[in-house]
Amino acid sequence: MSTLSTISKTNGTVSAERDGQSVPLPQAVSHAFSICPFDVVVTGVITEDTLIVHDLLRIESEDQRHTPALLRRKTLEELFTRFFVLPSLKLIETAAA
C-alpha cells in the first residue's frame, strides 16, 4: 500500500517527508523540483523512480489548502505543462479532471 508524502522545494532545497520522517526522493524527482522556479509544496506517492502528485498545498508563500480543489488542480496542471514535463513526475488522474 502506498502512503502519501509531502514534497517541498523551499529556498532551493528539495525534500520529502512521510509521517514526520524524512524520506529519500528519486534523483529524477529531485531534479524536476529543483528546476521549477517556484517554491512549492505538494502531496504525492513516491515510487521507485516516480512521484505521482495528488494535491498542491503551497506555491511561493501562498497556502493553497483553502483554495477550492478545482482551482488547485488547474494550478497543478499549469505547473506540469510549464515546468514538470519530465517522465519522473505524474499528475494523478481524478474524476474531477
PDB file of N, CA and C in Angstrom:
ATOM      1  N   MET A   1       0.842  -1.185   0.000  1.00  0.00           N
ATOM      2  CA  MET A   1       0.000   0.000   0.000  1.00  0.00           C
ATOM      3  C   MET A   1       0.882   1.242   0.000  1.00  0.00           C
ATOM      4  N   SER A   2       0.562   2.214  -0.820  1.00  0.00           N
ATOM      5  CA  SER A   2       1.322   3.445  -0.917  1.00  0.00           C
ATOM      6  C   SER A   2       0.810   4.463   0.083  1.00  0.00           C
ATOM      7  N   THR A   3       1.732   5.250   0.600  1.00  0.00           N
ATOM      8  CA  THR A   3       1.403   6.273   1.582  1.00  0.00           C
ATOM      9  C   THR A   3       1.769   7.633   1.019  1.00  0.00           C
ATOM     10  N   LEU A   4       0.918   8.616   1.286  1.00  0.00           N
ATOM     11  CA  LEU A   4       1.191   9.975   0.820  1.00  0.00           C
ATOM     12  C   LEU A   4       2.400  10.568   1.523  1.00  0.00           C
ATOM     13  N   SER A   5       3.180  11.281   0.755  1.00  0.00           N
ATOM     14  CA  SER A   5       4.317  12.030   1.265  1.00  0.00           C
ATOM     15  C   SER A   5       4.102  13.496   0.931  1.00  0.00           C
ATOM     16  N   THR A   6       4.784  14.351   1.653  1.00  0.00           N
ATOM     17  CA  THR A   6       4.793  15.781   1.363  1.00  0.00           C
ATOM     18  C   THR A   6       6.152  16.107   0.755  1.00  0.00           C
ATOM     19  N   ILE A   7       6.135  16.675  -0.439  1.00  0.00           N
ATOM     20  CA  ILE A   7       7.350  17.006  -1.154  1.00  0.00           C
ATOM     21  C   ILE A   7       7.402  18.516  -1.285  1.00  0.00           C
ATOM     22  N   SER A   8       8.557  19.093  -0.956  1.00  0.00           N
ATOM     23  CA  SER A   8       8.646  20.547  -0.990  1.00  0.00           C
ATOM     24  C   SER A   8       9.949  21.007  -1.620  1.00  0.00           C
ATOM     25  N   LYS A   9       9.842  22.172  -2.243  1.00  0.00           N
ATOM     26  CA  LYS A   9      11.025  22.922  -2.675  1.00  0.00           C
ATOM     27  C   LYS A   9      10.903  24.279  -2.007  1.00  0.00           C
ATOM     28  N   THR A  10      11.835  24.557  -1.100  1.00  0.00           N
ATOM     29  CA  THR A  10      11.823  25.810  -0.360  1.00  0.00           C
ATOM     30  C   THR A  10      13.224  26.397  -0.374  1.00  0.00           C
ATOM     31  N   ASN A  11      13.336  27.610  -0.872  1.00  0.00           N
ATOM     32  CA  ASN A  11      14.638  28.291  -0.949  1.00  0.00           C
ATOM     33  C   ASN A  11      15.686  27.428  -1.643  1.00  0.00           C
ATOM     34  N   GLY A  12      15.258  26.712  -2.684  1.00  0.00           N
ATOM     35  CA  GLY A  12      16.177  25.905  -3.468  1.00  0.00           C
ATOM     36  C   GLY A  12      16.439  24.510  -2.939  1.00  0.00           C
ATOM     37  N   THR A  13      15.933  24.183  -1.758  1.00  0.00           N
ATOM     38  CA  THR A  13      16.143  22.867  -1.171  1.00  0.00           C
ATOM     39  C   THR A  13      14.916  21.995  -1.396  1.00  0.00           C
ATOM     40  N   VAL A  14      15.131  20.807  -1.967  1.00  0.00           N
ATOM     41  CA  VAL A  14      14.052  19.861  -2.233  1.00  0.00           C
ATOM     42  C   VAL A  14      14.106  18.775  -1.168  1.00  0.00           C
ATOM     43  N   SER A  15      12.950  18.478  -0.563  1.00  0.00           N
ATOM     44  CA  SER A  15      12.901  17.446   0.474  1.00  0.00           C
ATOM     45  C   SER A  15      11.547  16.754   0.450  1.00  0.00           C
ATOM     46  N   ALA A  16      11.499  15.621   1.155  1.00  0.00           N
ATOM     47  CA  ALA A  16      10.249  14.863   1.255  1.00  0.00           C
ATOM     48  C   ALA A  16      10.107  14.314   2.662  1.00  0.00           C
ATOM     49  N   GLU A  17       8.857  14.270   3.131  1.00  0.00           N
ATOM     50  CA  GLU A  17       8.534  13.715   4.447  1.00  0.00           C
ATOM     51  C   GLU A  17       7.328  12.807   4.344  1.00  0.00           C
ATOM     52  N   ARG A  18       7.335  11.789   5.183  1.00  0.00           N
ATOM     53  CA  ARG A  18       6.175  10.920   5.338  1.00  0.00           C
ATOM     54  C   ARG A  18       6.047  10.637   6.834  1.00  0.00           C
ATOM     55  N   ASP A  19       4.891  10.907   7.377  1.00  0.00           N
ATOM     56  CA  ASP A  19       4.650  10.701   8.811  1.00  0.00           C
ATOM     57  C   ASP A  19       5.703  11.391   9.676  1.00  0.00           C
ATOM     58  N   GLY A  20       6.101  12.608   9.260  1.00  0.00           N
ATOM     59  CA  GLY A  20       7.052  13.380  10.042  1.00  0.00           C
ATOM     60  C   GLY A  20       8.505  12.954   9.892  1.00  0.00           C
ATOM     61  N   GLN A  21       8.772  11.960   9.064  1.00  0.00           N
ATOM     62  CA  GLN A  21      10.135  11.462   8.869  1.00  0.00           C
ATOM     63  C   GLN A  21      10.610  11.792   7.463  1.00  0.00           C
ATOM     64  N   SER A  22      11.871  12.167   7.340  1.00  0.00           N
ATOM     65  CA  SER A  22      12.461  12.434   6.040  1.00  0.00           C
ATOM     66  C   SER A  22      12.518  11.142   5.229  1.00  0.00           C
ATOM     67  N   VAL A  23      12.165  11.250   3.945  1.00  0.00           N
ATOM     68  CA  VAL A  23      12.241  10.089   3.057  1.00  0.00           C
ATOM     69  C   VAL A  23      13.053  10.472   1.821  1.00  0.00           C
ATOM     70  N   PRO A  24      13.769   9.499   1.255  1.00  0.00           N
ATOM     71  CA  PRO A  24      14.570   9.811   0.069  1.00  0.00           C
ATOM     72  C   PRO A  24      13.683  10.025  -1.154  1.00  0.00           C
ATOM     73  N   LEU A  25      14.139  10.909  -2.017  1.00  0.00           N
ATOM     74  CA  LEU A  25      13.456  11.152  -3.292  1.00  0.00           C
ATOM     75  C   LEU A  25      14.281  10.551  -4.413  1.00  0.00           C
ATOM     76  N   PRO A  26      13.629   9.957  -5.414  1.00  0.00           N
ATOM     77  CA  PRO A  26      14.384   9.540  -6.586  1.00  0.00           C
ATOM     78  C   PRO A  26      15.109  10.739  -7.196  1.00  0.00           C
ATOM     79  N   GLN A  27      16.299  10.522  -7.713  1.00  0.00           N
ATOM     80  CA  GLN A  27      17.106  11.606  -8.283  1.00  0.00           C
ATOM     81  C   GLN A  27      16.330  12.401  -9.328  1.00  0.00           C
ATOM     82  N   ALA A  28      15.594  11.721 -10.198  1.00  0.00           N
ATOM     83  CA  ALA A  28      14.859  12.409 -11.260  1.00  0.00           C
ATOM     84  C   ALA A  28      13.765  13.317 -10.689  1.00  0.00           C
ATOM     85  N   VAL A  29      13.131  12.895  -9.613  1.00  0.00           N
ATOM     86  CA  VAL A  29      12.091  13.712  -8.978  1.00  0.00           C
ATOM     87  C   VAL A  29      12.727  14.944  -8.334  1.00  0.00           C
ATOM     88  N   SER A  30      13.803  14.736  -7.627  1.00  0.00           N
ATOM     89  CA  SER A  30      14.509  15.855  -7.011  1.00  0.00           C
ATOM     90  C   SER A  30      14.938  16.870  -8.073  1.00  0.00           C
ATOM     91  N   HIS A  31      15.442  16.370  -9.195  1.00  0.00           N
ATOM     92  CA  HIS A  31      15.863  17.262 -10.286  1.00  0.00           C
ATOM     93  C   HIS A  31      14.666  18.055 -10.834  1.00  0.00           C
ATOM     94  N   ALA A  32      13.543  17.383 -11.035  1.00  0.00           N
ATOM     95  CA  ALA A  32      12.361  18.056 -11.581  1.00  0.00           C
ATOM     96  C   ALA A  32      11.918  19.202 -10.678  1.00  0.00           C
ATOM     97  N   PHE A  33      11.945  18.982  -9.373  1.00  0.00           N
ATOM     98  CA  PHE A  33      11.566  20.054  -8.443  1.00  0.00           C
ATOM     99  C   PHE A  33      12.611  21.156  -8.426  1.00  0.00           C
ATOM    100  N   SER A  34      13.870  20.791  -8.538  1.00  0.00           N
ATOM    101  CA  SER A  34      14.931  21.794  -8.446  1.00  0.00           C
ATOM    102  C   SER A  34      14.891  22.789  -9.603  1.00  0.00           C
ATOM    103  N   ILE A  35      14.376  22.384 -10.770  1.00  0.00           N
ATOM    104  CA  ILE A  35      14.344  23.307 -11.903  1.00  0.00           C
ATOM    105  C   ILE A  35      13.068  24.148 -11.952  1.00  0.00           C
ATOM    106  N   CYS A  36      12.111  23.834 -11.095  1.00  0.00           N
ATOM    107  CA  CYS A  36      10.906  24.670 -11.019  1.00  0.00           C
ATOM    108  C   CYS A  36      11.296  26.013 -10.398  1.00  0.00           C
ATOM    109  N   PRO A  37      10.891  27.136 -10.998  1.00  0.00           N
ATOM    110  CA  PRO A  37      11.308  28.440 -10.477  1.00  0.00           C
ATOM    111  C   PRO A  37      10.557  28.879  -9.219  1.00  0.00           C
ATOM    112  N   PHE A  38       9.607  28.101  -8.769  1.00  0.00           N
ATOM    113  CA  PHE A  38       8.794  28.478  -7.616  1.00  0.00           C
ATOM    114  C   PHE A  38       9.094  27.596  -6.419  1.00  0.00           C
ATOM    115  N   ASP A  39       8.920  28.150  -5.212  1.00  0.00           N
ATOM    116  CA  ASP A  39       8.832  27.317  -4.027  1.00  0.00           C
ATOM    117  C   ASP A  39       7.460  26.670  -4.080  1.00  0.00           C
ATOM    118  N   VAL A  40       7.395  25.374  -3.845  1.00  0.00           N
ATOM    119  CA  VAL A  40       6.144  24.644  -3.987  1.00  0.00           C
ATOM    120  C   VAL A  40       6.106  23.487  -2.997  1.00  0.00           C
ATOM    121  N   VAL A  41       4.904  23.170  -2.502  1.00  0.00           N
ATOM    122  CA  VAL A  41       4.698  22.016  -1.637  1.00  0.00           C
ATOM    123  C   VAL A  41       3.517  21.235  -2.195  1.00  0.00           C
ATOM    124  N   VAL A  42       3.728  19.937  -2.419  1.00  0.00           N
ATOM    125  CA  VAL A  42       2.681  19.071  -2.934  1.00  0.00           C
ATOM    126  C   VAL A  42       2.611  17.804  -2.085  1.00  0.00           C
ATOM    127  N   THR A  43       1.507  17.076  -2.230  1.00  0.00           N
ATOM    128  CA  THR A  43       1.432  15.733  -1.677  1.00  0.00           C
ATOM    129  C   THR A  43       1.441  14.759  -2.838  1.00  0.00           C
ATOM    130  N   GLY A  44       1.983  13.585  -2.585  1.00  0.00           N
ATOM    131  CA  GLY A  44       2.026  12.579  -3.627  1.00  0.00           C
ATOM    132  C   GLY A  44       2.563  11.262  -3.112  1.00  0.00           C
ATOM    133  N   VAL A  45       2.602  10.298  -4.006  1.00  0.00           N
ATOM    134  CA  VAL A  45       3.120   8.967  -3.694  1.00  0.00           C
ATOM    135  C   VAL A  45       4.449   8.800  -4.427  1.00  0.00           C
ATOM    136  N   ILE A  46       5.482   8.459  -3.669  1.00  0.00           N
ATOM    137  CA  ILE A  46       6.805   8.228  -4.232  1.00  0.00           C
ATOM    138  C   ILE A  46       6.937   6.743  -4.541  1.00  0.00           C
ATOM    139  N   THR A  47       7.229   6.439  -5.803  1.00  0.00           N
ATOM    140  CA  THR A  47       7.504   5.064  -6.186  1.00  0.00           C
ATOM    141  C   THR A  47       9.004   4.948  -6.421  1.00  0.00           C
ATOM    142  N   GLU A  48       9.425   3.861  -7.014  1.00  0.00           N
ATOM    143  CA  GLU A  48      10.859   3.626  -7.212  1.00  0.00           C
ATOM    144  C   GLU A  48      11.559   4.777  -7.935  1.00  0.00           C
ATOM    145  N   ASP A  49      10.944   5.306  -8.988  1.00  0.00           N
ATOM    146  CA  ASP A  49      11.595   6.366  -9.752  1.00  0.00           C
ATOM    147  C   ASP A  49      10.642   7.477 -10.177  1.00  0.00           C
ATOM    148  N   THR A  50       9.474   7.535  -9.548  1.00  0.00           N
ATOM    149  CA  THR A  50       8.428   8.470  -9.975  1.00  0.00           C
ATOM    150  C   THR A  50       7.734   9.065  -8.765  1.00  0.00           C
ATOM    151  N   LEU A  51       7.233  10.270  -8.936  1.00  0.00           N
ATOM    152  CA  LEU A  51       6.340  10.888  -7.959  1.00  0.00           C
ATOM    153  C   LEU A  51       4.995  11.094  -8.630  1.00  0.00           C
ATOM    154  N   ILE A  52       3.955  10.536  -8.039  1.00  0.00           N
ATOM    155  CA  ILE A  52       2.595  10.728  -8.535  1.00  0.00           C
ATOM    156  C   ILE A  52       1.965  11.796  -7.646  1.00  0.00           C
ATOM    157  N   VAL A  53       1.787  12.986  -8.200  1.00  0.00           N
ATOM    158  CA  VAL A  53       1.328  14.138  -7.430  1.00  0.00           C
ATOM    159  C   VAL A  53      -0.188  14.096  -7.266  1.00  0.00           C
ATOM    160  N   HIS A  54      -0.629  14.336  -6.023  1.00  0.00           N
ATOM    161  CA  HIS A  54      -2.056  14.323  -5.700  1.00  0.00           C
ATOM    162  C   HIS A  54      -2.636  15.709  -5.513  1.00  0.00           C
ATOM    163  N   ASP A  55      -1.907  16.591  -4.815  1.00  0.00           N
ATOM    164  CA  ASP A  55      -2.502  17.880  -4.462  1.00  0.00           C
ATOM    165  C   ASP A  55      -1.418  18.938  -4.277  1.00  0.00           C
ATOM    166  N   LEU A  56      -1.825  20.171  -4.414  1.00  0.00           N
ATOM    167  CA  LEU A  56      -0.967  21.336  -4.209  1.00  0.00           C
ATOM    168  C   LEU A  56      -1.310  21.959  -2.871  1.00  0.00           C
ATOM    169  N   LEU A  57      -0.312  22.075  -1.986  1.00  0.00           N
ATOM    170  CA  LEU A  57      -0.546  22.668  -0.674  1.00  0.00           C
ATOM    171  C   LEU A  57      -0.093  24.115  -0.591  1.00  0.00           C
ATOM    172  N   ARG A  58       1.008  24.445  -1.296  1.00  0.00           N
ATOM    173  CA  ARG A  58       1.531  25.803  -1.231  1.00  0.00           C
ATOM    174  C   ARG A  58       2.298  26.096  -2.510  1.00  0.00           C
ATOM    175  N   ILE A  59       2.189  27.325  -2.979  1.00  0.00           N
ATOM    176  CA  ILE A  59       3.033  27.807  -4.067  1.00  0.00           C
ATOM    177  C   ILE A  59       3.529  29.180  -3.654  1.00  0.00           C
ATOM    178  N   GLU A  60       4.862  29.334  -3.725  1.00  0.00           N
ATOM    179  CA  GLU A  60       5.523  30.503  -3.152  1.00  0.00           C
ATOM    180  C   GLU A  60       5.071  30.608  -1.691  1.00  0.00           C
ATOM    181  N   SER A  61       4.630  31.736  -1.226  1.00  0.00           N
ATOM    182  CA  SER A  61       4.233  31.845   0.182  1.00  0.00           C
ATOM    183  C   SER A  61       2.725  31.714   0.370  1.00  0.00           C
ATOM    184  N   GLU A  62       2.015  31.322  -0.683  1.00  0.00           N
ATOM    185  CA  GLU A  62       0.554  31.263  -0.620  1.00  0.00           C
ATOM    186  C   GLU A  62       0.051  29.859  -0.289  1.00  0.00           C
ATOM    187  N   ASP A  63      -0.568  29.749   0.890  1.00  0.00           N
ATOM    188  CA  ASP A  63      -1.185  28.495   1.317  1.00  0.00           C
ATOM    189  C   ASP A  63      -2.371  28.212   0.398  1.00  0.00           C
ATOM    190  N   GLN A  64      -2.395  27.040  -0.203  1.00  0.00           N
ATOM    191  CA  GLN A  64      -3.452  26.686  -1.146  1.00  0.00           C
ATOM    192  C   GLN A  64      -4.521  25.771  -0.546  1.00  0.00           C
ATOM    193  N   ARG A  65      -4.359  25.377   0.703  1.00  0.00           N
ATOM    194  CA  ARG A  65      -5.270  24.383   1.287  1.00  0.00           C
ATOM    195  C   ARG A  65      -6.715  24.848   1.387  1.00  0.00           C
ATOM    196  N   HIS A  66      -6.933  26.163   1.398  1.00  0.00           N
ATOM    197  CA  HIS A  66      -8.309  26.674   1.467  1.00  0.00           C
ATOM    198  C   HIS A  66      -8.838  27.091   0.098  1.00  0.00           C
ATOM    199  N   THR A  67      -8.013  26.937  -0.915  1.00  0.00           N
ATOM    200  CA  THR A  67      -8.420  27.209  -2.293  1.00  0.00           C
ATOM    201  C   THR A  67      -9.257  26.021  -2.776  1.00  0.00           C
ATOM    202  N   PRO A  68     -10.333  26.258  -3.499  1.00  0.00           N
ATOM    203  CA  PRO A  68     -11.146  25.149  -3.999  1.00  0.00           C
ATOM    204  C   PRO A  68     -10.299  24.133  -4.781  1.00  0.00           C
ATOM    205  N   ALA A  69     -10.645  22.862  -4.632  1.00  0.00           N
ATOM    206  CA  ALA A  69      -9.875  21.763  -5.233  1.00  0.00           C
ATOM    207  C   ALA A  69      -9.707  21.927  -6.738  1.00  0.00           C
ATOM    208  N   LEU A  70     -10.737  22.384  -7.428  1.00  0.00           N
ATOM    209  CA  LEU A  70     -10.626  22.528  -8.885  1.00  0.00           C
ATOM    210  C   LEU A  70      -9.609  23.603  -9.274  1.00  0.00           C
ATOM    211  N   LEU A  71      -9.505  24.664  -8.479  1.00  0.00           N
ATOM    212  CA  LEU A  71      -8.500  25.697  -8.754  1.00  0.00           C
ATOM    213  C   LEU A  71      -7.093  25.189  -8.463  1.00  0.00           C
ATOM    214  N   ARG A  72      -6.942  24.400  -7.373  1.00  0.00           N
ATOM    215  CA  ARG A  72      -5.631  23.805  -7.081  1.00  0.00           C
ATOM    216  C   ARG A  72      -5.232  22.858  -8.203  1.00  0.00           C
ATOM    217  N   ARG A  73      -6.186  22.095  -8.692  1.00  0.00           N
ATOM    218  CA  ARG A  73      -5.907  21.165  -9.794  1.00  0.00           C
ATOM    219  C   ARG A  73      -5.455  21.934 -11.035  1.00  0.00           C
ATOM    220  N   LYS A  74      -6.136  23.034 -11.334  1.00  0.00           N
ATOM    221  CA  LYS A  74      -5.770  23.838 -12.510  1.00  0.00           C
ATOM    222  C   LYS A  74      -4.349  24.373 -12.375  1.00  0.00           C
ATOM    223  N   THR A  75      -3.986  24.844 -11.182  1.00  0.00           N
ATOM    224  CA  THR A  75      -2.633  25.334 -10.949  1.00  0.00           C
ATOM    225  C   THR A  75      -1.614  24.217 -11.138  1.00  0.00           C
ATOM    226  N   LEU A  76      -1.926  23.025 -10.619  1.00  0.00           N
ATOM    227  CA  LEU A  76      -1.034  21.878 -10.818  1.00  0.00           C
ATOM    228  C   LEU A  76      -0.876  21.552 -12.300  1.00  0.00           C
ATOM    229  N   GLU A  77      -1.974  21.575 -13.030  1.00  0.00           N
ATOM    230  CA  GLU A  77      -1.901  21.288 -14.468  1.00  0.00           C
ATOM    231  C   GLU A  77      -1.002  22.307 -15.173  1.00  0.00           C
ATOM    232  N   GLU A  78      -1.089  23.571 -14.767  1.00  0.00           N
ATOM    233  CA  GLU A  78      -0.230  24.597 -15.363  1.00  0.00           C
ATOM    234  C   GLU A  78       1.238  24.343 -15.023  1.00  0.00           C
ATOM    235  N   LEU A  79       1.512  23.960 -13.776  1.00  0.00           N
ATOM    236  CA  LEU A  79       2.885  23.624 -13.400  1.00  0.00           C
ATOM    237  C   LEU A  79       3.414  22.458 -14.229  1.00  0.00           C
ATOM    238  N   PHE A  80       2.577  21.448 -14.430  1.00  0.00           N
ATOM    239  CA  PHE A  80       3.002  20.279 -15.197  1.00  0.00           C
ATOM    240  C   PHE A  80       3.216  20.624 -16.663  1.00  0.00           C
ATOM    241  N   THR A  81       2.416  21.507 -17.189  1.00  0.00           N
ATOM    242  CA  THR A  81       2.566  21.909 -18.584  1.00  0.00           C
ATOM    243  C   THR A  81       3.834  22.731 -18.789  1.00  0.00           C
ATOM    244  N   ARG A  82       4.157  23.577 -17.826  1.00  0.00           N
ATOM    245  CA  ARG A  82       5.280  24.510 -17.996  1.00  0.00           C
ATOM    246  C   ARG A  82       6.597  24.017 -17.417  1.00  0.00           C
ATOM    247  N   PHE A  83       6.565  23.312 -16.284  1.00  0.00           N
ATOM    248  CA  PHE A  83       7.816  23.013 -15.580  1.00  0.00           C
ATOM    249  C   PHE A  83       8.038  21.528 -15.295  1.00  0.00           C
ATOM    250  N   PHE A  84       6.999  20.826 -14.948  1.00  0.00           N
ATOM    251  CA  PHE A  84       7.146  19.427 -14.556  1.00  0.00           C
ATOM    252  C   PHE A  84       6.865  18.510 -15.739  1.00  0.00           C
ATOM    253  N   VAL A  85       7.633  18.674 -16.802  1.00  0.00           N
ATOM    254  CA  VAL A  85       7.390  17.918 -18.030  1.00  0.00           C
ATOM    255  C   VAL A  85       8.288  16.686 -18.129  1.00  0.00           C
ATOM    256  N   LEU A  86       8.848  16.270 -17.019  1.00  0.00           N
ATOM    257  CA  LEU A  86       9.726  15.110 -17.006  1.00  0.00           C
ATOM    258  C   LEU A  86       8.931  13.849 -16.690  1.00  0.00           C
ATOM    259  N   PRO A  87       9.336  12.706 -17.231  1.00  0.00           N
ATOM    260  CA  PRO A  87       8.588  11.463 -17.003  1.00  0.00           C
ATOM    261  C   PRO A  87       8.613  10.994 -15.547  1.00  0.00           C
ATOM    262  N   SER A  88       9.485  11.558 -14.743  1.00  0.00           N
ATOM    263  CA  SER A  88       9.549  11.154 -13.330  1.00  0.00           C
ATOM    264  C   SER A  88       8.439  11.756 -12.484  1.00  0.00           C
ATOM    265  N   LEU A  89       7.676  12.706 -13.062  1.00  0.00           N
ATOM    266  CA  LEU A  89       6.549  13.318 -12.339  1.00  0.00           C
ATOM    267  C   LEU A  89       5.258  13.053 -13.113  1.00  0.00           C
ATOM    268  N   LYS A  90       4.263  12.594 -12.384  1.00  0.00           N
ATOM    269  CA  LYS A  90       2.962  12.343 -12.973  1.00  0.00           C
ATOM    270  C   LYS A  90       1.899  13.000 -12.105  1.00  0.00           C
ATOM    271  N   LEU A  91       0.882  13.520 -12.742  1.00  0.00           N
ATOM    272  CA  LEU A  91      -0.250  14.111 -12.038  1.00  0.00           C
ATOM    273  C   LEU A  91      -1.347  13.073 -12.006  1.00  0.00           C
ATOM    274  N   ILE A  92      -1.830  12.756 -10.825  1.00  0.00           N
ATOM    275  CA  ILE A  92      -2.849  11.718 -10.706  1.00  0.00           C
ATOM    276  C   ILE A  92      -4.101  12.125 -11.462  1.00  0.00           C
ATOM    277  N   GLU A  93      -4.687  11.190 -12.158  1.00  0.00           N
ATOM    278  CA  GLU A  93      -5.955  11.434 -12.833  1.00  0.00           C
ATOM    279  C   GLU A  93      -7.066  11.397 -11.802  1.00  0.00           C
ATOM    280  N   THR A  94      -7.983  12.362 -11.878  1.00  0.00           N
ATOM    281  CA  THR A  94      -9.081  12.403 -10.913  1.00  0.00           C
ATOM    282  C   THR A  94     -10.413  12.447 -11.661  1.00  0.00           C
ATOM    283  N   ALA A  95     -11.444  12.095 -10.946  1.00  0.00           N
ATOM    284  CA  ALA A  95     -12.786  12.131 -11.532  1.00  0.00           C
ATOM    285  C   ALA A  95     -13.169  13.562 -11.894  1.00  0.00           C
ATOM    286  N   ALA A  96     -12.649  14.534 -11.147  1.00  0.00           N
ATOM    287  CA  ALA A  96     -12.993  15.944 -11.367  1.00  0.00           C
ATOM    288  C   ALA A  96     -12.245  16.538 -12.541  1.00  0.00           C
ATOM    289  N   ALA A  97     -11.189  15.877 -12.963  1.00  0.00           N
ATOM    290  CA  ALA A  97     -10.358  16.451 -14.048  1.00  0.00           C
ATOM    291  C   ALA A  97     -11.024  16.339 -15.385  1.00  0.00           C
TER     292      ALA A  97
END
